């Protein structure tokens, strides 16, 4: 039986090296490519055509979901397992919608990762029950638009409506409408609560909360 050829995409070197060591310790699989960003993952997929890819969601530049989308647009047969710390329903929904065949949290055991690789390589999905439940739950939620996410990220950085309007080149009344819509869609009581809910659901990331330095 031929080895399962695996690519590991994760921007944290220690995590990536640990996964490489884990995978290479099994006689039926071998890591043939590594990537530290979504852009690298796409390029390495083109070069190596791995059988299975382990993909983190949040990486610098192009994120994991965008990389999955691009890889599968070029190779519909690509088999990708998301391995991430993000357990929010939005993160799960976006990854599965992009075409991921598996979704694992980084808290799982090494043996479960190996089992998932074998299962996905064999044409099966590997989506734990709780993850499938999150995806189903997200399907019942009203979608948050791209522009609303832009507003949400600026709220998370502590921006006022006026500052948000300036940043996005829209009127303050438009910003107020977006904020009202966000509160309704997220079931939030106020702006701070909306940010908390968005972080929990994986709509925005902690990196989005960091205040940008003024140039």
Protein backbone atom coordinates (compact mmCIF):
# COMPACT_ATOMS: atom_id res chain seq x y z
CA UNK A 1 0.00 0.00 0.00
CA UNK A 2 1.41 3.42 -0.95
CA UNK A 3 2.04 6.10 1.67
CA UNK A 4 -0.46 8.89 2.27
CA UNK A 5 1.28 12.08 1.14
CA UNK A 6 0.46 14.88 3.57
CA UNK A 7 0.93 18.66 3.60
CA UNK A 8 0.96 20.57 6.91
CA UNK A 9 0.00 24.27 6.83
CA UNK A 10 0.41 26.14 10.12
CA UNK A 11 2.18 29.42 10.81
CA UNK A 12 3.48 28.27 14.22
CA UNK A 13 6.79 26.51 13.63
CA UNK A 14 6.70 24.40 16.81
CA UNK A 15 3.17 23.19 16.05
CA UNK A 16 4.10 22.43 12.46
CA UNK A 17 7.24 20.51 13.40
CA UNK A 18 5.28 18.52 15.99
CA UNK A 19 2.70 17.52 13.39
CA UNK A 20 5.43 16.59 10.92
CA UNK A 21 7.11 14.36 13.52
CA UNK A 22 3.77 12.76 14.44
CA UNK A 23 2.81 12.00 10.85
CA UNK A 24 6.25 10.78 9.79
CA UNK A 25 6.33 8.38 12.75
CA UNK A 26 3.64 6.29 11.01
CA UNK A 27 4.81 3.96 8.25
CA UNK A 28 1.74 4.54 6.07
CA UNK A 29 2.10 8.33 5.73
CA UNK A 30 4.71 10.97 5.02
CA UNK A 31 4.81 14.78 5.05
CA UNK A 32 5.75 15.97 1.56
CA UNK A 33 5.13 19.70 2.01
CA UNK A 34 4.96 22.38 4.70
CA UNK A 35 3.50 25.89 4.59
CA UNK A 36 3.45 28.83 7.02
CA UNK A 37 0.68 30.83 5.31
CA UNK A 38 -2.35 30.35 3.14
CA UNK A 39 -0.47 31.68 0.13
CA UNK A 40 2.34 29.17 0.68
CA UNK A 41 -0.22 26.39 1.14
CA UNK A 42 -1.74 27.09 -2.28
CA UNK A 43 1.70 27.19 -3.92
CA UNK A 44 2.87 24.00 -2.19
CA UNK A 45 -0.34 22.21 -3.09
CA UNK A 46 0.23 23.04 -6.75
CA UNK A 47 3.82 21.81 -6.54
CA UNK A 48 3.32 18.60 -4.54
CA UNK A 49 -0.36 17.59 -4.98
CA UNK A 50 -0.57 15.99 -1.51
CA UNK A 51 -3.24 13.37 -0.82
CA UNK A 52 -4.36 15.12 2.39
CA UNK A 53 -3.70 18.61 3.72
CA UNK A 54 -3.82 19.65 7.38
CA UNK A 55 -4.77 23.35 7.38
CA UNK A 56 -4.83 25.88 10.20
CA UNK A 57 -7.51 28.55 9.80
CA UNK A 58 -5.76 31.70 10.95
CA UNK A 59 -2.46 32.37 9.22
CA UNK A 60 -0.81 35.60 8.04
CA UNK A 61 -1.96 37.01 4.72
CA UNK A 62 -4.34 34.63 3.03
CA UNK A 63 -6.17 32.67 5.73
CA UNK A 64 -6.95 28.96 5.77
CA UNK A 65 -10.50 29.27 4.44
CA UNK A 66 -9.36 31.34 1.47
CA UNK A 67 -6.57 28.83 0.81
CA UNK A 68 -9.02 25.91 0.90
CA UNK A 69 -11.34 27.76 -1.47
CA UNK A 70 -8.52 28.47 -3.94
CA UNK A 71 -7.07 24.96 -3.76
CA UNK A 72 -10.44 23.34 -4.38
CA UNK A 73 -11.22 25.75 -7.20
CA UNK A 74 -8.13 24.40 -8.94
CA UNK A 75 -8.41 20.79 -7.71
CA UNK A 76 -11.93 19.73 -6.72
CA UNK A 77 -10.57 16.40 -5.51
CA UNK A 78 -8.37 18.06 -2.85
CA UNK A 79 -8.88 16.59 0.61
CA UNK A 80 -8.38 19.08 3.42
CA UNK A 81 -8.67 18.66 7.19
CA UNK A 82 -8.87 21.82 9.26
CA UNK A 83 -6.81 21.60 12.46
CA UNK A 84 -7.37 24.73 14.53
CA UNK A 85 -8.03 26.26 17.93
CA UNK A 86 -11.17 27.94 16.59
CA UNK A 87 -14.39 26.23 17.70
CA UNK A 88 -16.89 28.99 16.91
CA UNK A 89 -19.83 28.16 14.66
CA UNK A 90 -18.84 30.74 12.04
CA UNK A 91 -15.32 29.32 11.74
CA UNK A 92 -16.71 25.80 11.34
CA UNK A 93 -19.34 26.93 8.83
CA UNK A 94 -16.86 28.83 6.64
CA UNK A 95 -14.37 25.95 6.59
CA UNK A 96 -16.95 23.30 5.70
CA UNK A 97 -18.56 25.56 3.11
CA UNK A 98 -15.12 26.03 1.52
CA UNK A 99 -14.88 22.26 1.14
CA UNK A 100 -12.96 20.93 4.13
CA UNK A 101 -13.50 17.17 4.57
CA UNK A 102 -12.54 17.19 8.24
CA UNK A 103 -12.48 19.60 11.17
CA UNK A 104 -10.40 18.99 14.29
CA UNK A 105 -9.51 21.14 17.28
CA UNK A 106 -5.87 21.23 18.36
CA UNK A 107 -6.89 19.76 21.71
CA UNK A 108 -7.40 16.30 20.12
CA UNK A 109 -4.89 13.49 20.53
CA UNK A 110 -2.22 12.72 17.98
CA UNK A 111 -3.85 9.40 17.25
CA UNK A 112 -7.14 11.09 16.35
CA UNK A 113 -5.28 13.33 13.90
CA UNK A 114 -3.73 10.25 12.30
CA UNK A 115 -7.11 8.47 12.18
CA UNK A 116 -8.67 11.53 10.54
CA UNK A 117 -5.94 11.61 7.88
CA UNK A 118 -6.54 7.95 7.07
CA UNK A 119 -10.32 8.42 6.98
CA UNK A 120 -10.23 11.47 4.71
CA UNK A 121 -7.67 9.82 2.45
CA UNK A 122 -10.09 6.89 2.18
CA UNK A 123 -12.86 9.19 0.95
CA UNK A 124 -14.70 9.67 4.24
CA UNK A 125 -15.36 12.83 6.24
CA UNK A 126 -14.09 13.37 9.76
CA UNK A 127 -16.39 15.86 11.47
CA UNK A 128 -16.99 15.20 15.18
CA UNK A 129 -20.58 15.37 16.37
CA UNK A 130 -20.11 18.62 18.28
CA UNK A 131 -18.56 20.27 15.21
CA UNK A 132 -21.42 19.10 12.99
CA UNK A 133 -23.81 20.51 15.58
CA UNK A 134 -22.12 23.91 15.41
CA UNK A 135 -22.40 23.92 11.62
CA UNK A 136 -26.10 23.07 11.83
CA UNK A 137 -26.61 25.79 14.43
CA UNK A 138 -24.87 28.35 12.23
CA UNK A 139 -27.22 27.48 9.37
CA UNK A 140 -30.07 28.80 11.51
CA UNK A 141 -28.35 32.15 12.12
CA UNK A 142 -28.78 35.20 9.86
CA UNK A 143 -25.54 35.82 7.93
CA UNK A 144 -23.30 38.74 8.86
CA UNK A 145 -22.26 40.64 5.74
CA UNK A 146 -18.69 41.47 4.78
CA UNK A 147 -19.32 45.17 5.43
CA UNK A 148 -20.84 44.40 8.82
CA UNK A 149 -17.71 42.44 9.69
CA UNK A 150 -15.63 45.48 8.68
CA UNK A 151 -17.71 47.57 11.08
CA UNK A 152 -17.42 44.93 13.80
CA UNK A 153 -13.62 44.86 13.55
CA UNK A 154 -13.48 48.63 13.95
CA UNK A 155 -15.84 48.47 16.93
CA UNK A 156 -13.50 45.86 18.43
CA UNK A 157 -10.65 48.35 18.06
CA UNK A 158 -12.61 50.92 20.06
CA UNK A 159 -13.56 53.17 17.14
CA UNK A 160 -16.48 55.57 17.42
CA UNK A 161 -19.20 55.70 14.78
CA UNK A 162 -17.57 58.81 13.32
CA UNK A 163 -14.16 57.10 13.10
CA UNK A 164 -15.75 54.03 11.51
CA UNK A 165 -17.54 56.25 8.99
CA UNK A 166 -14.24 57.93 8.11
CA UNK A 167 -12.41 54.60 7.81
CA UNK A 168 -15.04 53.06 5.55
CA UNK A 169 -15.91 56.27 3.69
CA UNK A 170 -19.61 56.08 4.53
CA UNK A 171 -22.01 58.28 6.49
CA UNK A 172 -22.48 58.01 10.26
CA UNK A 173 -26.12 57.08 9.71
CA UNK A 174 -24.99 54.13 7.57
CA UNK A 175 -22.67 53.05 10.38
CA UNK A 176 -25.51 53.32 12.91
CA UNK A 177 -27.65 51.12 10.66
CA UNK A 178 -24.86 48.52 10.45
CA UNK A 179 -24.41 48.58 14.23
CA UNK A 180 -28.15 48.12 14.81
CA UNK A 181 -28.18 45.22 12.35
CA UNK A 182 -25.17 43.61 14.06
CA UNK A 183 -26.77 43.84 17.50
CA UNK A 184 -29.90 42.20 16.13
CA UNK A 185 -28.11 39.41 14.22
CA UNK A 186 -25.76 38.60 17.10
CA UNK A 187 -28.42 38.89 19.79
CA UNK A 188 -26.17 41.40 21.56
CA UNK A 189 -27.16 44.01 24.13
CA UNK A 190 -24.51 46.55 23.18
CA UNK A 191 -21.33 47.04 21.14
CA UNK A 192 -19.06 45.35 23.70
CA UNK A 193 -21.38 42.34 23.88
CA UNK A 194 -21.43 42.16 20.07
CA UNK A 195 -17.61 41.91 20.01
CA UNK A 196 -17.69 39.18 22.67
CA UNK A 197 -20.28 37.15 20.75
CA UNK A 198 -18.36 37.61 17.49
CA UNK A 199 -15.15 36.35 19.11
CA UNK A 200 -16.93 33.33 20.58
CA UNK A 201 -18.47 32.44 17.22
CA UNK A 202 -15.27 32.95 15.25
CA UNK A 203 -16.66 35.82 13.18
CA UNK A 204 -13.65 37.92 14.17
CA UNK A 205 -10.33 36.94 15.74
CA UNK A 206 -8.39 38.33 18.70
CA UNK A 207 -5.99 39.88 16.19
CA UNK A 208 -8.91 42.06 15.04
CA UNK A 209 -9.20 43.55 18.53
CA UNK A 210 -5.67 44.93 18.53
CA UNK A 211 -5.59 48.68 18.12
CA UNK A 212 -3.76 49.73 14.99
CA UNK A 213 -0.94 52.23 15.40
CA UNK A 214 -1.51 55.57 13.76
CA UNK A 215 0.97 56.30 11.00
